[in-house]
Amino acid sequence: MVRTWHKNGKPATEEPYQNDLLHGPCRQWNEAGRMLGKYRMDRGTGIQRAWHDNGQLQIEVSTLRGEFCGRNRIWLHDGTLISERFYLHGRVVRADEYREAATKDKTLPRFRGKPAKLPARNRTTQKHIHDVFVSVLLDKQNQCEAQAWLQKETGDKTVRSLGRFKREAESSQFAQNLYGAGAANVIVPDIYRNKAGDQFADCLLVRLPRNKAKRKAIRKVCARVRKRRLGAVEPGEDIGEGHLYLSLA
C-alpha cells in the first residue's frame, strides 16, 4: 500500500499495488479530510483519477496492464477541459486511429463519442489557466503578507522558512526587493507548520501593477532567484497576468 499525506499531516492518497501494478481500491482526500473520490484498478488496468480539492475531476488516465492505453484527460479547478490525448500502448495517436485499433483488439479500453473540442492554444488560454491556478491559492486560509509573516516580535523564536532561502533575513530582503521594484503586494499563500510550531512556505504570489516598467523590474528581481537556482517563475513571459507565481521548493 502506497500512501501520501498533505502538509498538515492528513491523508492525501492511498494506492494498493500488486507486483508493481495498481490493484484494488484507490482513494483521495482533501486537506480537510473529506474524501474526494475513489476508483478501482485490476492489475494495472482501469481508469486512474485525481481530483482538485473542490471535488472537480482533475486527471483521468486510462491504462492497460500499467501501460498508457486509451483516453487521458486533464481539467482545471473550474472544470475547463484543457487536454485530451489518446494512447495506444504508450504511444500518442489520433482519436480515429485509436478507435480503429480498438475495433480490432477487443482487449483495448473502449472509447465512445467524439473527441473533445479543446480551447485554442493561445495567450488567452494560457492566461486563463494561470488565473485559475492563482485563484485557488488566493482562496487558501493559511496565507499572509510576506513582510508581516517574516517580521517577528521580540522573543518570538518560531522558525519561518521560505523555500530554499537559507536565512529569514534573506527571505525578508527578497520581499523588500519585490516591493522596491513596484510590487503591489507579496503574498505567502500556503503556510504550513511542523509539530514544533515552526512555519514553512515554498511559494509566493506577487500582485503586479499595470505599469509596464514596474512589471519588467519585478521580473528582473525574480530572475535573480532563477539564476541562483532558488526557484522558478510562472508565467515565463508577461501575458497580462495579475500575479506572478514563484515556486521556491
Protein backbone atom coordinates (compact mmCIF):
# COMPACT_ATOMS: atom_id res chain seq x y z
CA MET A 1 0.00 0.00 0.00
CA VAL A 2 1.42 3.39 -1.04
CA ARG A 3 0.18 6.37 0.97
CA THR A 4 0.84 10.12 0.77
CA TRP A 5 -0.06 12.91 3.19
CA HIS A 6 -0.91 16.59 2.95
CA LYS A 7 1.40 19.15 4.53
CA ASN A 8 -0.94 19.34 7.54
CA GLY A 9 -0.44 15.62 8.19
CA LYS A 10 -3.84 14.42 6.95
CA PRO A 11 -4.01 11.52 4.45
CA ALA A 12 -3.93 12.56 0.78
CA THR A 13 -3.91 9.34 -1.27
CA GLU A 14 -3.95 5.59 -0.77
CA GLU A 15 -2.98 3.21 -3.61
CA PRO A 16 -2.58 -0.58 -3.37
CA TYR A 17 -0.06 -2.35 -5.61
CA GLN A 18 0.44 -5.97 -6.57
CA ASN A 19 3.58 -6.96 -8.50
CA ASP A 20 4.31 -3.25 -9.19
CA LEU A 21 0.86 -2.68 -10.71
CA LEU A 22 -2.06 -0.76 -9.19
CA HIS A 23 -4.55 -3.31 -7.95
CA GLY A 24 -7.58 -2.66 -5.78
CA PRO A 25 -9.45 0.40 -4.48
CA CYS A 26 -7.61 3.74 -4.63
CA ARG A 27 -8.74 6.79 -2.62
CA GLN A 28 -8.00 10.52 -2.40
CA TRP A 29 -8.82 13.07 0.34
CA ASN A 30 -8.54 16.85 0.57
CA GLU A 31 -6.65 18.74 3.29
CA ALA A 32 -9.76 18.87 5.46
CA GLY A 33 -10.04 15.07 5.45
CA ARG A 34 -13.04 14.84 3.09
CA MET A 35 -12.86 12.02 0.56
CA LEU A 36 -12.70 13.48 -2.93
CA GLY A 37 -13.15 10.24 -4.82
CA LYS A 38 -12.15 6.65 -5.35
CA TYR A 39 -11.63 4.22 -8.21
CA ARG A 40 -10.65 0.57 -8.61
CA MET A 41 -7.79 -0.89 -10.61
CA ASP A 42 -7.32 -4.50 -11.73
CA ARG A 43 -3.62 -5.39 -12.05
CA GLY A 44 -2.75 -2.08 -13.72
CA THR A 45 -5.89 -1.96 -15.87
CA GLY A 46 -8.59 0.67 -15.42
CA ILE A 47 -9.04 4.43 -15.28
CA GLN A 48 -6.90 6.23 -12.70
CA ARG A 49 -8.32 9.52 -11.41
CA ALA A 50 -7.28 12.51 -9.33
CA TRP A 51 -9.43 15.38 -8.06
CA HIS A 52 -8.96 19.05 -7.26
CA ASP A 53 -9.60 19.96 -3.63
CA ASN A 54 -13.07 21.30 -4.53
CA GLY A 55 -14.10 17.86 -5.80
CA GLN A 56 -13.73 18.72 -9.50
CA LEU A 57 -12.14 15.91 -11.51
CA GLN A 58 -8.56 16.86 -12.37
CA ILE A 59 -6.99 13.92 -14.20
CA GLU A 60 -8.29 10.77 -15.87
CA VAL A 61 -5.69 8.26 -17.10
CA SER A 62 -6.61 5.05 -18.89
CA THR A 63 -4.09 2.21 -18.54
CA LEU A 64 -3.88 -1.40 -19.69
CA ARG A 65 -1.63 -3.62 -17.55
CA GLY A 66 0.22 -0.50 -16.36
CA GLU A 67 0.67 0.96 -19.84
CA PHE A 68 -0.97 4.16 -21.14
CA CYS A 69 -3.78 2.92 -23.35
CA GLY A 70 -6.99 4.82 -24.13
CA ARG A 71 -8.12 8.37 -23.44
CA ASN A 72 -6.28 10.61 -20.95
CA ARG A 73 -7.81 13.95 -19.91
CA ILE A 74 -6.94 16.95 -17.71
CA TRP A 75 -9.32 19.58 -16.24
CA LEU A 76 -8.73 22.87 -14.46
CA HIS A 77 -10.10 23.63 -11.00
CA ASP A 78 -13.06 25.43 -12.64
CA GLY A 79 -13.96 22.42 -14.78
CA THR A 80 -12.35 23.56 -18.05
CA LEU A 81 -11.04 20.61 -20.07
CA ILE A 82 -7.56 21.60 -21.27
CA SER A 83 -6.06 18.32 -22.50
CA GLU A 84 -7.25 15.15 -24.18
CA ARG A 85 -4.86 12.58 -25.59
CA PHE A 86 -5.25 9.07 -26.91
CA TYR A 87 -2.58 6.46 -26.23
CA LEU A 88 -2.06 3.13 -27.93
CA HIS A 89 0.36 1.02 -25.90
CA GLY A 90 2.18 4.09 -24.62
CA ARG A 91 2.23 5.94 -27.95
CA VAL A 92 0.18 9.09 -28.64
CA VAL A 93 -2.18 8.56 -31.60
CA ARG A 94 -5.15 10.31 -33.22
CA ALA A 95 -8.63 9.55 -31.87
CA ASP A 96 -9.70 7.85 -35.11
CA GLU A 97 -6.51 5.78 -35.14
CA TYR A 98 -7.19 4.58 -31.62
CA ARG A 99 -10.85 3.82 -32.38
CA GLU A 100 -9.83 1.73 -35.38
CA ALA A 101 -7.31 -0.23 -33.29
CA ALA A 102 -9.91 -0.82 -30.58
CA THR A 103 -12.35 -2.35 -33.06
CA LYS A 104 -9.70 -4.92 -33.99
CA ASP A 105 -8.35 -5.58 -30.49
CA LYS A 106 -11.18 -6.18 -28.01
CA THR A 107 -8.78 -6.01 -25.03
CA LEU A 108 -8.24 -2.27 -25.57
CA PRO A 109 -10.30 0.16 -23.41
CA ARG A 110 -13.45 1.35 -25.17
CA PHE A 111 -13.80 4.93 -26.43
CA ARG A 112 -17.27 6.23 -27.23
CA GLY A 113 -18.41 9.60 -28.50
CA LYS A 114 -16.47 12.31 -30.26
CA PRO A 115 -13.10 13.80 -29.31
CA ALA A 116 -13.45 16.91 -27.16
CA LYS A 117 -13.18 20.42 -28.56
CA LEU A 118 -10.32 21.96 -26.59
CA PRO A 119 -9.56 25.67 -26.04
CA ALA A 120 -7.22 27.20 -28.60
CA ARG A 121 -3.56 27.18 -27.60
CA ASN A 122 -3.06 30.92 -27.38
CA ARG A 123 -2.23 33.62 -24.86
CA THR A 124 -5.87 33.93 -23.76
CA THR A 125 -5.98 30.25 -22.80
CA GLN A 126 -2.58 30.46 -21.13
CA LYS A 127 -3.76 33.42 -19.04
CA HIS A 128 -6.97 31.63 -18.09
CA ILE A 129 -5.03 28.56 -16.89
CA HIS A 130 -2.72 30.78 -14.83
CA ASP A 131 -5.58 32.86 -13.40
CA VAL A 132 -7.48 29.76 -12.26
CA PHE A 133 -4.35 28.38 -10.61
CA VAL A 134 -3.71 31.67 -8.79
CA SER A 135 -7.35 31.99 -7.67
CA VAL A 136 -7.09 28.61 -5.90
CA LEU A 137 -4.03 29.81 -3.97
CA LEU A 138 -5.70 33.11 -3.08
CA ASP A 139 -8.65 31.20 -1.61
CA LYS A 140 -6.44 29.39 0.91
CA GLN A 141 -7.00 30.34 4.54
CA ASN A 142 -3.42 29.84 5.74
CA GLN A 143 -1.87 32.83 3.98
CA CYS A 144 -0.20 36.09 4.98
CA GLU A 145 1.50 39.16 3.53
CA ALA A 146 5.20 38.26 3.23
CA GLN A 147 6.71 41.05 5.34
CA ALA A 148 4.13 40.61 8.09
CA TRP A 149 4.85 36.87 8.18
CA LEU A 150 8.64 37.27 8.27
CA GLN A 151 8.71 40.13 10.80
CA LYS A 152 8.71 38.54 14.26
CA GLU A 153 8.03 40.21 17.57
CA THR A 154 10.74 40.35 20.24
CA GLY A 155 11.14 36.95 21.91
CA ASP A 156 9.38 35.05 19.13
CA LYS A 157 11.65 32.09 18.37
CA THR A 158 9.34 30.45 15.83
CA VAL A 159 11.26 29.47 12.71
CA ARG A 160 9.86 30.89 9.47
CA SER A 161 11.38 29.23 6.42
CA LEU A 162 10.70 30.36 2.85
CA GLY A 163 11.69 27.86 0.19
CA ARG A 164 15.43 27.47 -0.38
CA PHE A 165 16.42 30.76 1.23
CA LYS A 166 18.87 29.85 3.99
CA ARG A 167 18.03 32.71 6.37
CA GLU A 168 14.88 34.62 7.31
CA ALA A 169 16.71 37.90 6.72
CA GLU A 170 17.45 36.82 3.16
CA SER A 171 13.78 35.98 2.60
CA SER A 172 12.73 39.35 4.02
CA GLN A 173 15.22 41.19 1.80
CA PHE A 174 13.85 39.43 -1.26
CA ALA A 175 10.31 40.57 -0.39
CA GLN A 176 11.63 44.12 0.12
CA ASN A 177 13.28 43.98 -3.29
CA LEU A 178 9.98 42.99 -4.89
CA TYR A 179 8.21 45.91 -3.24
CA GLY A 180 11.06 48.20 -4.21
CA ALA A 181 10.63 47.16 -7.84
CA GLY A 182 6.94 48.09 -7.69
CA ALA A 183 5.03 45.00 -6.49
CA ALA A 184 1.52 45.88 -5.29
CA ASN A 185 1.56 43.02 -2.79
CA VAL A 186 3.69 39.98 -1.93
CA ILE A 187 1.68 37.09 -0.52
CA VAL A 188 2.70 33.86 1.16
CA PRO A 189 -0.35 31.83 0.07
CA ASP A 190 0.18 28.45 1.72
CA ILE A 191 1.85 28.38 5.14
CA TYR A 192 2.23 25.04 6.90
CA ARG A 193 3.67 24.01 10.26
CA ASN A 194 5.55 21.14 11.86
CA LYS A 195 4.80 19.64 15.27
CA ALA A 196 7.12 22.15 16.97
CA GLY A 197 5.07 25.02 15.54
CA ASP A 198 7.73 26.20 13.09
CA GLN A 199 6.30 27.68 9.90
CA PHE A 200 7.19 26.92 6.30
CA ALA A 201 6.22 28.10 2.81
CA ASP A 202 7.51 27.12 -0.61
CA CYS A 203 5.87 29.67 -2.91
CA LEU A 204 4.96 33.35 -3.27
CA LEU A 205 2.34 35.29 -5.20
CA VAL A 206 3.36 38.74 -6.38
CA ARG A 207 0.49 41.07 -7.31
CA LEU A 208 1.63 43.08 -10.29
CA PRO A 209 0.95 46.72 -11.14
CA ARG A 210 -0.24 47.72 -14.61
CA ASN A 211 2.82 49.87 -15.25
CA LYS A 212 4.97 48.07 -17.83
CA ALA A 213 8.27 49.37 -16.48
CA LYS A 214 7.46 48.18 -12.96
CA ARG A 215 6.31 44.78 -14.22
CA LYS A 216 9.61 44.42 -16.05
CA ALA A 217 11.56 45.47 -12.95
CA ILE A 218 9.74 42.89 -10.81
CA ARG A 219 10.55 40.14 -13.29
CA LYS A 220 14.19 41.24 -13.17
CA VAL A 221 14.21 40.71 -9.38
CA CYS A 222 12.60 37.29 -9.84
CA ALA A 223 15.18 36.37 -12.49
CA ARG A 224 17.88 36.53 -9.82
CA VAL A 225 16.09 33.78 -7.91
CA ARG A 226 16.00 31.60 -11.01
CA LYS A 227 19.67 32.36 -11.73
CA ARG A 228 20.63 31.25 -8.20
CA ARG A 229 18.50 28.12 -8.67
CA LEU A 230 16.30 29.04 -5.74
CA GLY A 231 13.07 28.67 -7.68
CA ALA A 232 11.06 29.25 -10.85
CA VAL A 233 8.67 31.94 -12.08
CA GLU A 234 5.33 31.47 -13.83
CA PRO A 235 4.30 32.58 -16.36
CA GLY A 236 7.66 32.70 -18.07
CA GLU A 237 6.73 35.83 -20.01
CA ASP A 238 4.29 38.68 -19.47
CA ILE A 239 0.82 37.68 -20.66
CA GLY A 240 -1.07 40.39 -18.81
CA GLU A 241 -1.35 38.29 -15.66
CA GLY A 242 -2.42 39.85 -12.37
CA HIS A 243 0.01 37.81 -10.25
CA LEU A 244 3.38 36.19 -10.70
CA TYR A 245 3.78 32.75 -9.12
CA LEU A 246 7.15 31.97 -7.60
CA SER A 247 7.81 28.32 -6.87
CA LEU A 248 10.60 28.18 -4.26
CA ALA A 249 10.54 24.47 -3.43
